[in-house]
Amino acid sequence: MALTYTIDAAQKNIRVIATGELSPEELVDLHHRFAGSPEVRPDFSILFDLRQARGEGFTTEGVRTLAALPTILDPASRRAVVVRSDLGFGVARMYGLWRGDRITAFEVFRDLKEAERWIERG
């Protein structure tokens, strides 16, 4: 699996692109990397492009683990997830629901341009 990201300090956003098989453990590792990075500030937004990723290894417990991680970004920072499948859409929505009131601006999209416009409006 390839997990790449770019941090744009001027635009205050992070873009993560995943390809291939994606596991919750890889996202936990990415979370820790962001938490320890001086480049990532709480007022940034983040867009996860998961259109080319597969998540057959995701379980309910894996999603719960991700949802329980401490919040790095401000609760009002925009978080967008772009998926291509119904399963991906459902898993991403489940994650958002379990994050609950710790994040207030979370959306799941099937169209990348729509997600980018939503992030930019934040």
N, C-alpha and C. Protein backbone atom coordinates (compact mmCIF):
# COMPACT_ATOMS: atom_id res chain seq x y z
N MET A 1 0.85 -1.17 0.00
CA MET A 1 0.00 0.00 0.00
C MET A 1 0.88 1.23 0.00
N ALA A 2 0.46 2.20 -0.76
CA ALA A 2 1.18 3.48 -0.78
C ALA A 2 0.29 4.54 -0.12
N LEU A 3 0.87 5.24 0.82
CA LEU A 3 0.19 6.31 1.52
C LEU A 3 1.09 7.53 1.44
N THR A 4 0.67 8.52 0.66
CA THR A 4 1.47 9.73 0.50
C THR A 4 0.66 10.92 0.96
N TYR A 5 1.38 11.98 1.32
CA TYR A 5 0.66 13.19 1.74
C TYR A 5 1.49 14.42 1.40
N THR A 6 0.76 15.53 1.27
CA THR A 6 1.39 16.83 1.10
C THR A 6 0.79 17.76 2.14
N ILE A 7 1.64 18.62 2.67
CA ILE A 7 1.20 19.63 3.62
C ILE A 7 1.42 20.99 2.98
N ASP A 8 0.34 21.74 2.83
CA ASP A 8 0.40 23.07 2.22
C ASP A 8 0.13 24.10 3.32
N ALA A 9 1.20 24.64 3.90
CA ALA A 9 1.06 25.58 5.01
C ALA A 9 0.36 26.86 4.58
N ALA A 10 0.60 27.32 3.36
CA ALA A 10 -0.03 28.56 2.88
C ALA A 10 -1.55 28.40 2.79
N GLN A 11 -2.01 27.23 2.32
CA GLN A 11 -3.45 26.98 2.20
C GLN A 11 -4.05 26.36 3.46
N LYS A 12 -3.18 26.04 4.41
CA LYS A 12 -3.60 25.43 5.67
C LYS A 12 -4.34 24.11 5.44
N ASN A 13 -3.77 23.26 4.59
CA ASN A 13 -4.41 21.97 4.41
C ASN A 13 -3.41 20.86 4.17
N ILE A 14 -3.92 19.67 4.37
CA ILE A 14 -3.17 18.44 4.18
C ILE A 14 -3.96 17.59 3.20
N ARG A 15 -3.26 16.97 2.26
CA ARG A 15 -3.91 16.02 1.34
C ARG A 15 -3.21 14.68 1.47
N VAL A 16 -4.00 13.66 1.74
CA VAL A 16 -3.50 12.31 1.87
C VAL A 16 -4.06 11.49 0.73
N ILE A 17 -3.19 10.75 0.03
CA ILE A 17 -3.62 9.89 -1.07
C ILE A 17 -3.21 8.46 -0.73
N ALA A 18 -4.18 7.56 -0.78
CA ALA A 18 -3.92 6.15 -0.51
C ALA A 18 -4.19 5.33 -1.77
N THR A 19 -3.31 4.40 -2.04
CA THR A 19 -3.51 3.47 -3.14
C THR A 19 -3.22 2.06 -2.65
N GLY A 20 -3.93 1.10 -3.20
CA GLY A 20 -3.74 -0.29 -2.80
C GLY A 20 -4.47 -0.61 -1.51
N GLU A 21 -4.07 -1.71 -0.89
CA GLU A 21 -4.71 -2.16 0.34
C GLU A 21 -4.34 -1.23 1.50
N LEU A 22 -5.35 -0.74 2.18
CA LEU A 22 -5.18 0.21 3.29
C LEU A 22 -5.63 -0.45 4.58
N SER A 23 -4.83 -0.29 5.63
CA SER A 23 -5.19 -0.88 6.93
C SER A 23 -5.36 0.22 7.97
N PRO A 24 -6.14 -0.06 9.00
CA PRO A 24 -6.28 0.91 10.10
C PRO A 24 -4.92 1.22 10.73
N GLU A 25 -4.04 0.24 10.82
CA GLU A 25 -2.73 0.46 11.44
C GLU A 25 -1.92 1.51 10.69
N GLU A 26 -2.03 1.51 9.37
CA GLU A 26 -1.31 2.52 8.59
C GLU A 26 -1.86 3.92 8.86
N LEU A 27 -3.16 4.02 9.05
CA LEU A 27 -3.74 5.32 9.37
C LEU A 27 -3.41 5.75 10.79
N VAL A 28 -3.29 4.81 11.71
CA VAL A 28 -2.84 5.13 13.07
C VAL A 28 -1.42 5.66 13.02
N ASP A 29 -0.55 5.00 12.25
CA ASP A 29 0.83 5.47 12.09
C ASP A 29 0.88 6.88 11.51
N LEU A 30 0.04 7.12 10.51
CA LEU A 30 -0.01 8.46 9.90
C LEU A 30 -0.47 9.49 10.92
N HIS A 31 -1.44 9.15 11.73
CA HIS A 31 -1.93 10.04 12.79
C HIS A 31 -0.77 10.43 13.72
N HIS A 32 0.00 9.45 14.14
CA HIS A 32 1.13 9.71 15.04
C HIS A 32 2.18 10.58 14.35
N ARG A 33 2.40 10.35 13.07
CA ARG A 33 3.35 11.17 12.31
C ARG A 33 2.88 12.63 12.28
N PHE A 34 1.60 12.84 12.02
CA PHE A 34 1.05 14.20 12.00
C PHE A 34 1.10 14.83 13.39
N ALA A 35 0.79 14.06 14.41
CA ALA A 35 0.80 14.58 15.78
C ALA A 35 2.19 15.06 16.18
N GLY A 36 3.22 14.41 15.67
CA GLY A 36 4.59 14.78 16.02
C GLY A 36 5.24 15.76 15.06
N SER A 37 4.49 16.22 14.07
CA SER A 37 5.06 17.10 13.05
C SER A 37 4.84 18.57 13.38
N PRO A 38 5.91 19.37 13.40
CA PRO A 38 5.73 20.81 13.63
C PRO A 38 5.06 21.51 12.45
N GLU A 39 5.00 20.84 11.29
CA GLU A 39 4.36 21.42 10.11
C GLU A 39 2.84 21.42 10.21
N VAL A 40 2.29 20.48 10.95
CA VAL A 40 0.84 20.33 11.05
C VAL A 40 0.34 21.19 12.20
N ARG A 41 -0.53 22.13 11.84
CA ARG A 41 -1.09 23.04 12.86
C ARG A 41 -2.57 22.73 13.06
N PRO A 42 -3.10 23.03 14.23
CA PRO A 42 -4.49 22.69 14.54
C PRO A 42 -5.53 23.33 13.62
N ASP A 43 -5.20 24.45 12.98
CA ASP A 43 -6.20 25.13 12.14
C ASP A 43 -6.18 24.63 10.69
N PHE A 44 -5.45 23.56 10.40
CA PHE A 44 -5.42 22.98 9.05
C PHE A 44 -6.68 22.15 8.80
N SER A 45 -7.01 22.01 7.53
CA SER A 45 -8.03 21.05 7.08
C SER A 45 -7.31 19.87 6.47
N ILE A 46 -8.04 18.77 6.28
CA ILE A 46 -7.41 17.57 5.71
C ILE A 46 -8.37 16.90 4.74
N LEU A 47 -7.82 16.43 3.63
CA LEU A 47 -8.59 15.71 2.63
C LEU A 47 -7.93 14.36 2.41
N PHE A 48 -8.69 13.29 2.61
CA PHE A 48 -8.22 11.93 2.36
C PHE A 48 -8.79 11.47 1.03
N ASP A 49 -7.93 11.23 0.06
CA ASP A 49 -8.36 10.70 -1.23
C ASP A 49 -8.13 9.19 -1.19
N LEU A 50 -9.22 8.46 -0.97
CA LEU A 50 -9.15 7.01 -0.84
C LEU A 50 -9.75 6.30 -2.05
N ARG A 51 -9.89 7.01 -3.16
CA ARG A 51 -10.54 6.43 -4.33
C ARG A 51 -9.79 5.23 -4.90
N GLN A 52 -8.49 5.19 -4.74
CA GLN A 52 -7.69 4.08 -5.28
C GLN A 52 -7.26 3.09 -4.21
N ALA A 53 -7.84 3.22 -3.03
CA ALA A 53 -7.49 2.33 -1.92
C ALA A 53 -8.53 1.22 -1.78
N ARG A 54 -8.08 0.12 -1.23
CA ARG A 54 -8.97 -0.99 -0.88
C ARG A 54 -8.88 -1.16 0.63
N GLY A 55 -9.99 -1.45 1.26
CA GLY A 55 -9.99 -1.57 2.72
C GLY A 55 -10.61 -2.86 3.21
N GLU A 56 -10.31 -3.96 2.53
CA GLU A 56 -10.89 -5.23 2.95
C GLU A 56 -10.49 -5.62 4.37
N GLY A 57 -9.37 -5.08 4.86
CA GLY A 57 -8.90 -5.40 6.20
C GLY A 57 -9.55 -4.57 7.29
N PHE A 58 -10.41 -3.64 6.92
CA PHE A 58 -11.06 -2.81 7.93
C PHE A 58 -12.15 -3.60 8.63
N THR A 59 -12.10 -3.55 9.94
CA THR A 59 -13.13 -4.17 10.77
C THR A 59 -13.78 -3.08 11.60
N THR A 60 -14.86 -3.41 12.23
CA THR A 60 -15.51 -2.47 13.14
C THR A 60 -14.53 -2.01 14.21
N GLU A 61 -13.75 -2.95 14.73
CA GLU A 61 -12.77 -2.61 15.77
C GLU A 61 -11.70 -1.66 15.24
N GLY A 62 -11.26 -1.86 14.00
CA GLY A 62 -10.27 -0.97 13.40
C GLY A 62 -10.79 0.45 13.25
N VAL A 63 -12.04 0.58 12.86
CA VAL A 63 -12.65 1.91 12.73
C VAL A 63 -12.80 2.55 14.10
N ARG A 64 -13.19 1.77 15.08
CA ARG A 64 -13.30 2.30 16.46
C ARG A 64 -11.95 2.78 16.96
N THR A 65 -10.90 2.04 16.67
CA THR A 65 -9.55 2.44 17.09
C THR A 65 -9.19 3.79 16.48
N LEU A 66 -9.45 3.95 15.19
CA LEU A 66 -9.17 5.24 14.54
C LEU A 66 -10.00 6.36 15.14
N ALA A 67 -11.27 6.09 15.38
CA ALA A 67 -12.16 7.12 15.90
C ALA A 67 -11.78 7.53 17.32
N ALA A 68 -11.11 6.66 18.05
CA ALA A 68 -10.74 6.96 19.44
C ALA A 68 -9.43 7.73 19.57
N LEU A 69 -8.71 7.91 18.46
CA LEU A 69 -7.44 8.64 18.53
C LEU A 69 -7.65 10.07 18.98
N PRO A 70 -6.70 10.65 19.69
CA PRO A 70 -6.84 12.05 20.11
C PRO A 70 -6.93 12.97 18.90
N THR A 71 -7.66 14.03 19.04
CA THR A 71 -7.83 15.00 17.97
C THR A 71 -6.59 15.87 17.85
N ILE A 72 -6.04 15.96 16.64
CA ILE A 72 -4.88 16.81 16.37
C ILE A 72 -5.34 18.17 15.87
N LEU A 73 -6.33 18.15 14.98
CA LEU A 73 -6.84 19.39 14.40
C LEU A 73 -7.98 19.94 15.25
N ASP A 74 -8.23 21.23 15.12
CA ASP A 74 -9.35 21.85 15.83
C ASP A 74 -10.64 21.13 15.46
N PRO A 75 -11.60 21.05 16.38
CA PRO A 75 -12.86 20.38 16.06
C PRO A 75 -13.55 20.96 14.82
N ALA A 76 -13.40 22.26 14.58
CA ALA A 76 -14.07 22.89 13.44
C ALA A 76 -13.27 22.80 12.14
N SER A 77 -12.05 22.27 12.18
CA SER A 77 -11.27 22.09 10.96
C SER A 77 -12.01 21.11 10.05
N ARG A 78 -12.00 21.41 8.76
CA ARG A 78 -12.71 20.54 7.81
C ARG A 78 -11.92 19.28 7.53
N ARG A 79 -12.67 18.16 7.51
CA ARG A 79 -12.10 16.85 7.22
C ARG A 79 -12.96 16.23 6.12
N ALA A 80 -12.36 15.97 4.98
CA ALA A 80 -13.08 15.37 3.86
C ALA A 80 -12.46 14.03 3.52
N VAL A 81 -13.32 13.07 3.21
CA VAL A 81 -12.88 11.75 2.76
C VAL A 81 -13.55 11.49 1.41
N VAL A 82 -12.74 11.13 0.41
CA VAL A 82 -13.27 10.84 -0.91
C VAL A 82 -13.10 9.34 -1.16
N VAL A 83 -14.20 8.67 -1.48
CA VAL A 83 -14.21 7.23 -1.70
C VAL A 83 -14.91 6.92 -3.03
N ARG A 84 -14.78 5.69 -3.49
CA ARG A 84 -15.45 5.32 -4.73
C ARG A 84 -16.51 4.25 -4.53
N SER A 85 -16.46 3.51 -3.42
CA SER A 85 -17.38 2.39 -3.24
C SER A 85 -18.41 2.67 -2.15
N ASP A 86 -19.49 1.90 -2.20
CA ASP A 86 -20.50 1.99 -1.14
C ASP A 86 -19.91 1.56 0.21
N LEU A 87 -19.07 0.51 0.18
CA LEU A 87 -18.44 0.06 1.42
C LEU A 87 -17.55 1.15 2.00
N GLY A 88 -16.73 1.78 1.16
CA GLY A 88 -15.87 2.87 1.63
C GLY A 88 -16.69 4.02 2.19
N PHE A 89 -17.80 4.33 1.54
CA PHE A 89 -18.67 5.40 2.01
C PHE A 89 -19.22 5.07 3.40
N GLY A 90 -19.68 3.85 3.56
CA GLY A 90 -20.24 3.43 4.85
C GLY A 90 -19.20 3.42 5.97
N VAL A 91 -18.01 2.93 5.67
CA VAL A 91 -16.96 2.88 6.68
C VAL A 91 -16.56 4.29 7.09
N ALA A 92 -16.42 5.19 6.11
CA ALA A 92 -16.05 6.58 6.42
C ALA A 92 -17.14 7.27 7.25
N ARG A 93 -18.40 7.02 6.92
CA ARG A 93 -19.50 7.62 7.70
C ARG A 93 -19.51 7.06 9.12
N MET A 94 -19.24 5.76 9.26
CA MET A 94 -19.19 5.16 10.59
C MET A 94 -18.09 5.83 11.42
N TYR A 95 -16.93 6.05 10.80
CA TYR A 95 -15.85 6.74 11.49
C TYR A 95 -16.32 8.12 11.97
N GLY A 96 -16.95 8.88 11.08
CA GLY A 96 -17.43 10.23 11.44
C GLY A 96 -18.42 10.20 12.58
N LEU A 97 -19.30 9.23 12.58
CA LEU A 97 -20.29 9.12 13.66
C LEU A 97 -19.62 8.80 14.98
N TRP A 98 -18.63 7.92 14.96
CA TRP A 98 -17.95 7.55 16.19
C TRP A 98 -17.04 8.66 16.71
N ARG A 99 -16.58 9.53 15.84
CA ARG A 99 -15.81 10.69 16.31
C ARG A 99 -16.72 11.63 17.08
N GLY A 100 -17.98 11.62 16.74
CA GLY A 100 -18.98 12.37 17.49
C GLY A 100 -18.71 13.86 17.53
N ASP A 101 -18.87 14.43 18.70
CA ASP A 101 -18.77 15.88 18.84
C ASP A 101 -17.32 16.36 18.92
N ARG A 102 -16.36 15.46 18.80
CA ARG A 102 -14.95 15.88 18.79
C ARG A 102 -14.56 16.51 17.46
N ILE A 103 -15.36 16.27 16.42
CA ILE A 103 -15.16 16.95 15.13
C ILE A 103 -16.51 17.42 14.64
N THR A 104 -16.56 18.63 14.13
CA THR A 104 -17.85 19.18 13.71
C THR A 104 -17.96 19.38 12.20
N ALA A 105 -16.86 19.28 11.49
CA ALA A 105 -16.89 19.51 10.04
C ALA A 105 -16.27 18.30 9.34
N PHE A 106 -17.08 17.26 9.17
CA PHE A 106 -16.62 16.01 8.55
C PHE A 106 -17.62 15.63 7.46
N GLU A 107 -17.12 15.37 6.25
CA GLU A 107 -17.99 14.97 5.15
C GLU A 107 -17.32 13.87 4.34
N VAL A 108 -18.14 13.01 3.76
CA VAL A 108 -17.68 11.96 2.87
C VAL A 108 -18.19 12.28 1.47
N PHE A 109 -17.32 12.14 0.48
CA PHE A 109 -17.64 12.49 -0.90
C PHE A 109 -17.29 11.34 -1.83
N ARG A 110 -17.90 11.36 -3.01
CA ARG A 110 -17.52 10.45 -4.09
C ARG A 110 -16.81 11.21 -5.21
N ASP A 111 -16.90 12.53 -5.17
CA ASP A 111 -16.32 13.38 -6.21
C ASP A 111 -15.20 14.23 -5.60
N LEU A 112 -13.99 14.09 -6.14
CA LEU A 112 -12.83 14.80 -5.60
C LEU A 112 -12.99 16.31 -5.70
N LYS A 113 -13.45 16.81 -6.83
CA LYS A 113 -13.60 18.27 -7.01
C LYS A 113 -14.59 18.85 -6.01
N GLU A 114 -15.66 18.12 -5.76
CA GLU A 114 -16.64 18.58 -4.78
C GLU A 114 -16.01 18.65 -3.39
N ALA A 115 -15.22 17.65 -3.04
CA ALA A 115 -14.53 17.65 -1.74
C ALA A 115 -13.54 18.80 -1.65
N GLU A 116 -12.80 19.05 -2.73
CA GLU A 116 -11.84 20.16 -2.73
C GLU A 116 -12.56 21.50 -2.54
N ARG A 117 -13.68 21.69 -3.22
CA ARG A 117 -14.45 22.95 -3.06
C ARG A 117 -14.93 23.10 -1.62
N TRP A 118 -15.39 22.00 -1.01
CA TRP A 118 -15.88 22.05 0.37
C TRP A 118 -14.74 22.41 1.33
N ILE A 119 -13.58 21.80 1.12
CA ILE A 119 -12.41 22.12 1.95
C ILE A 119 -12.03 23.59 1.80
N GLU A 120 -12.01 24.09 0.57
CA GLU A 120 -11.63 25.48 0.32
C GLU A 120 -12.58 26.47 0.97
N ARG A 121 -13.85 26.13 1.07
CA ARG A 121 -14.82 27.04 1.69
C ARG A 121 -14.60 27.18 3.19
N GLY A 122 -13.88 26.22 3.77
CA GLY A 122 -13.62 26.27 5.21
C GLY A 122 -12.66 27.34 5.55
